[in-house]
Amino acid sequence: MTSLPSGSDQGGSAERRVPLVCARCGVPAPAPHPATWACSVEDGTPRYFCAACSRDNLRAIEGRLDSNGW
């Protein structure tokens, strides 16, 4: 017999997702979250950027990559 994930057979509530908002311009991400958004971890905190802000700042984003990421 297969069990459901912990708590799911107990009538518990589903996991709530925090809506994503672009860290630069503040536009909310449509659901489901688009693959065109960029994620950057800065000081241990993930920051998300919409496609427009990612495109506009591509050189700055690429400039922070290690050379093995080129």
C-alpha atoms as a PDB file:
ATOM      1  CA  MET A   1       0.000   0.000   0.000  1.00  0.00           C
ATOM      2  CA  THR A   2       1.291   3.454  -0.876  1.00  0.00           C
ATOM      3  CA  SER A   3       0.900   6.341   1.545  1.00  0.00           C
ATOM      4  CA  LEU A   4       0.342   9.951   0.642  1.00  0.00           C
ATOM      5  CA  PRO A   5       2.939  12.539   1.722  1.00  0.00           C
ATOM      6  CA  SER A   6       3.056  13.359   5.403  1.00  0.00           C
ATOM      7  CA  GLY A   7      -0.096  15.041   6.641  1.00  0.00           C
ATOM      8  CA  SER A   8      -1.965  14.786   3.335  1.00  0.00           C
ATOM      9  CA  ASP A   9      -4.138  11.912   4.527  1.00  0.00           C
ATOM     10  CA  GLN A  10      -5.004  13.802   7.687  1.00  0.00           C
ATOM     11  CA  GLY A  11      -7.072  16.473   5.952  1.00  0.00           C
ATOM     12  CA  GLY A  12      -4.339  19.077   6.373  1.00  0.00           C
ATOM     13  CA  SER A  13      -4.148  22.124   4.152  1.00  0.00           C
ATOM     14  CA  ALA A  14      -2.023  22.153   1.019  1.00  0.00           C
ATOM     15  CA  GLU A  15       1.321  23.941   1.016  1.00  0.00           C
ATOM     16  CA  ARG A  16       0.868  27.642   0.327  1.00  0.00           C
ATOM     17  CA  ARG A  17       3.188  29.196  -2.201  1.00  0.00           C
ATOM     18  CA  VAL A  18       4.403  32.721  -1.741  1.00  0.00           C
ATOM     19  CA  PRO A  19       3.690  34.748  -4.900  1.00  0.00           C
ATOM     20  CA  LEU A  20       6.840  35.780  -6.749  1.00  0.00           C
ATOM     21  CA  VAL A  21       7.476  39.458  -7.365  1.00  0.00           C
ATOM     22  CA  CYS A  22      10.309  40.895  -9.455  1.00  0.00           C
ATOM     23  CA  ALA A  23      12.974  42.247  -7.092  1.00  0.00           C
ATOM     24  CA  ARG A  24      13.736  45.102  -9.505  1.00  0.00           C
ATOM     25  CA  CYS A  25      10.414  46.388 -10.892  1.00  0.00           C
ATOM     26  CA  GLY A  26       7.883  44.739  -8.558  1.00  0.00           C
ATOM     27  CA  VAL A  27       5.744  43.078 -11.241  1.00  0.00           C
ATOM     28  CA  PRO A  28       4.054  39.922  -9.905  1.00  0.00           C
ATOM     29  CA  ALA A  29       4.769  36.600 -11.624  1.00  0.00           C
ATOM     30  CA  PRO A  30       1.844  34.885 -13.299  1.00  0.00           C
ATOM     31  CA  ALA A  31       1.000  31.416 -12.016  1.00  0.00           C
ATOM     32  CA  PRO A  32       2.492  28.970 -12.728  1.00  0.00           C
ATOM     33  CA  HIS A  33       5.847  30.673 -12.389  1.00  0.00           C
ATOM     34  CA  PRO A  34       7.344  31.236 -15.846  1.00  0.00           C
ATOM     35  CA  ALA A  35      10.663  29.665 -16.845  1.00  0.00           C
ATOM     36  CA  THR A  36      11.729  33.011 -18.334  1.00  0.00           C
ATOM     37  CA  TRP A  37      12.278  34.565 -14.912  1.00  0.00           C
ATOM     38  CA  ALA A  38      15.812  34.617 -13.467  1.00  0.00           C
ATOM     39  CA  CYS A  39      16.747  33.700  -9.913  1.00  0.00           C
ATOM     40  CA  SER A  40      19.798  35.113  -8.174  1.00  0.00           C
ATOM     41  CA  VAL A  41      20.965  34.149  -4.679  1.00  0.00           C
ATOM     42  CA  GLU A  42      22.396  37.220  -2.981  1.00  0.00           C
ATOM     43  CA  ASP A  43      23.641  37.032   0.603  1.00  0.00           C
ATOM     44  CA  GLY A  44      21.868  33.685   0.908  1.00  0.00           C
ATOM     45  CA  THR A  45      18.488  35.080  -0.152  1.00  0.00           C
ATOM     46  CA  PRO A  46      16.908  34.153  -3.487  1.00  0.00           C
ATOM     47  CA  ARG A  47      15.810  37.126  -5.584  1.00  0.00           C
ATOM     48  CA  TYR A  48      13.667  36.728  -8.690  1.00  0.00           C
ATOM     49  CA  PHE A  49      13.706  38.953 -11.774  1.00  0.00           C
ATOM     50  CA  CYS A  50      11.097  39.129 -14.539  1.00  0.00           C
ATOM     51  CA  ALA A  51      12.035  38.460 -18.160  1.00  0.00           C
ATOM     52  CA  ALA A  52      12.138  42.183 -19.027  1.00  0.00           C
ATOM     53  CA  CYS A  53      14.481  43.083 -16.150  1.00  0.00           C
ATOM     54  CA  SER A  54      16.619  40.013 -16.851  1.00  0.00           C
ATOM     55  CA  ARG A  55      16.990  41.046 -20.511  1.00  0.00           C
ATOM     56  CA  ASP A  56      17.708  44.679 -19.629  1.00  0.00           C
ATOM     57  CA  ASN A  57      20.444  43.675 -17.170  1.00  0.00           C
ATOM     58  CA  LEU A  58      21.917  40.650 -18.921  1.00  0.00           C
ATOM     59  CA  ARG A  59      25.489  41.996 -18.959  1.00  0.00           C
ATOM     60  CA  ALA A  60      25.453  42.672 -15.226  1.00  0.00           C
ATOM     61  CA  ILE A  61      24.000  39.215 -14.544  1.00  0.00           C
ATOM     62  CA  GLU A  62      26.563  37.464 -16.758  1.00  0.00           C
ATOM     63  CA  GLY A  63      29.384  39.537 -15.275  1.00  0.00           C
ATOM     64  CA  ARG A  64      28.829  37.864 -11.907  1.00  0.00           C
ATOM     65  CA  LEU A  65      29.109  34.307 -13.253  1.00  0.00           C
ATOM     66  CA  ASP A  66      32.216  32.234 -12.681  1.00  0.00           C
ATOM     67  CA  SER A  67      34.080  31.634 -15.920  1.00  0.00           C
ATOM     68  CA  ASN A  68      33.045  27.938 -15.900  1.00  0.00           C
ATOM     69  CA  GLY A  69      29.439  29.164 -16.215  1.00  0.00           C
ATOM     70  CA  TRP A  70      30.109  30.866 -19.546  1.00  0.00           C
END
